[in-house]
C-alpha atoms as a PDB file:
ATOM      1  CA  MET A   1     -53.439 244.885 215.176  1.00  0.00           C
ATOM      2  CA  ILE A   2     -50.447 246.721 213.731  1.00  0.00           C
ATOM      3  CA  ARG A   3     -47.310 246.914 215.820  1.00  0.00           C
ATOM      4  CA  GLU A   4     -44.784 249.662 215.444  1.00  0.00           C
ATOM      5  CA  VAL A   5     -41.300 248.351 214.689  1.00  0.00           C
ATOM      6  CA  SER A   6     -38.416 249.707 216.697  1.00  0.00           C
ATOM      7  CA  SER A   7     -34.894 249.066 215.555  1.00  0.00           C
ATOM      8  CA  GLU A   8     -31.598 249.456 217.329  1.00  0.00           C
ATOM      9  CA  ARG A   9     -28.816 249.217 214.780  1.00  0.00           C
ATOM     10  CA  GLY A  10     -25.610 247.308 215.353  1.00  0.00           C
ATOM     11  CA  GLY A  11     -22.575 248.468 217.180  1.00  0.00           C
ATOM     12  CA  GLY A  12     -19.725 247.011 219.124  1.00  0.00           C
ATOM     13  CA  GLN A  13     -19.924 244.185 221.565  1.00  0.00           C
ATOM     14  CA  VAL A  14     -21.286 245.165 224.960  1.00  0.00           C
ATOM     15  CA  SER A  15     -21.474 243.456 228.336  1.00  0.00           C
ATOM     16  CA  GLU A  16     -24.073 240.822 229.118  1.00  0.00           C
ATOM     17  CA  ARG A  17     -25.679 243.190 231.620  1.00  0.00           C
ATOM     18  CA  GLU A  18     -25.979 245.895 228.934  1.00  0.00           C
ATOM     19  CA  ILE A  19     -27.592 243.448 226.503  1.00  0.00           C
ATOM     20  CA  PHE A  20     -30.098 242.347 229.121  1.00  0.00           C
ATOM     21  CA  GLU A  21     -30.863 245.900 230.255  1.00  0.00           C
ATOM     22  CA  ARG A  22     -31.489 246.963 226.642  1.00  0.00           C
ATOM     23  CA  THR A  23     -33.663 243.901 226.092  1.00  0.00           C
ATOM     24  CA  GLN A  24     -35.662 244.566 229.239  1.00  0.00           C
ATOM     25  CA  GLY A  25     -36.201 248.188 228.189  1.00  0.00           C
ATOM     26  CA  LEU A  26     -37.417 247.172 224.738  1.00  0.00           C
ATOM     27  CA  LEU A  27     -39.753 244.534 226.151  1.00  0.00           C
ATOM     28  CA  HIS A  28     -41.200 247.037 228.620  1.00  0.00           C
ATOM     29  CA  GLN A  29     -41.901 249.323 225.664  1.00  0.00           C
ATOM     30  CA  GLY A  30     -43.968 246.564 224.067  1.00  0.00           C
ATOM     31  CA  ALA A  31     -41.488 244.775 221.795  1.00  0.00           C
ATOM     32  CA  ALA A  32     -42.718 241.314 220.839  1.00  0.00           C
ATOM     33  CA  GLY A  33     -39.244 239.947 220.086  1.00  0.00           C
ATOM     34  CA  ILE A  34     -35.586 240.783 219.665  1.00  0.00           C
ATOM     35  CA  VAL A  35     -32.751 240.160 217.212  1.00  0.00           C
ATOM     36  CA  TYR A  36     -29.089 240.238 218.180  1.00  0.00           C
ATOM     37  CA  GLY A  37     -26.032 239.458 216.082  1.00  0.00           C
ATOM     38  CA  ARG A  38     -22.420 239.551 217.197  1.00  0.00           C
ATOM     39  CA  ASN A  39     -23.269 239.820 220.889  1.00  0.00           C
ATOM     40  CA  VAL A  40     -24.738 236.316 220.670  1.00  0.00           C
ATOM     41  CA  ILE A  41     -22.744 234.740 217.848  1.00  0.00           C
ATOM     42  CA  GLN A  42     -19.367 235.815 219.260  1.00  0.00           C
ATOM     43  CA  HIS A  43     -20.290 235.262 222.921  1.00  0.00           C
ATOM     44  CA  PRO A  44     -18.123 232.673 224.721  1.00  0.00           C
ATOM     45  CA  ASN A  45     -21.337 230.794 225.562  1.00  0.00           C
ATOM     46  CA  PRO A  46     -23.816 231.436 222.710  1.00  0.00           C
ATOM     47  CA  GLN A  47     -26.169 228.724 223.948  1.00  0.00           C
ATOM     48  CA  GLY A  48     -26.277 230.233 227.441  1.00  0.00           C
ATOM     49  CA  ILE A  49     -26.919 233.806 226.340  1.00  0.00           C
ATOM     50  CA  THR A  50     -29.572 232.597 223.887  1.00  0.00           C
ATOM     51  CA  ARG A  51     -31.270 230.674 226.706  1.00  0.00           C
ATOM     52  CA  ALA A  52     -31.168 233.807 228.889  1.00  0.00           C
ATOM     53  CA  LEU A  53     -32.610 236.058 226.162  1.00  0.00           C
ATOM     54  CA  MET A  54     -35.357 233.530 225.435  1.00  0.00           C
ATOM     55  CA  ALA A  55     -36.239 233.504 229.143  1.00  0.00           C
ATOM     56  CA  MET A  56     -36.556 237.285 229.062  1.00  0.00           C
ATOM     57  CA  VAL A  57     -38.788 237.312 225.974  1.00  0.00           C
ATOM     58  CA  HIS A  58     -40.928 234.242 226.690  1.00  0.00           C
ATOM     59  CA  ASP A  59     -40.923 233.915 230.490  1.00  0.00           C
ATOM     60  CA  GLY A  60     -40.550 237.515 231.652  1.00  0.00           C
ATOM     61  CA  ALA A  61     -37.149 236.939 233.285  1.00  0.00           C
ATOM     62  CA  GLY A  62     -35.418 240.044 234.588  1.00  0.00           C
ATOM     63  CA  VAL A  63     -31.806 241.123 234.171  1.00  0.00           C
ATOM     64  CA  GLU A  64     -30.478 239.351 237.261  1.00  0.00           C
ATOM     65  CA  GLU A  65     -32.307 236.117 236.454  1.00  0.00           C
ATOM     66  CA  ALA A  66     -30.990 236.237 232.868  1.00  0.00           C
ATOM     67  CA  LEU A  67     -27.425 236.718 234.126  1.00  0.00           C
ATOM     68  CA  GLU A  68     -27.786 233.587 236.263  1.00  0.00           C
ATOM     69  CA  LEU A  69     -28.797 231.536 233.207  1.00  0.00           C
ATOM     70  CA  ILE A  70     -25.528 232.036 231.359  1.00  0.00           C
END
């Protein structure tokens, strides 16, 4: 099976909610994974936001649940 690759190029830092809403939208479109840079690396709690994003990708967590994981 061949998957189409969708790419959202970098930009400035955005809110946690915006990151999670974008992630949810991409996952609903069929994305199998995500890659983020500065919004994770420069986050005050990189471990927490990584945990939240992993929950979205692997466990189907929604935006509100992800926000609670940070």
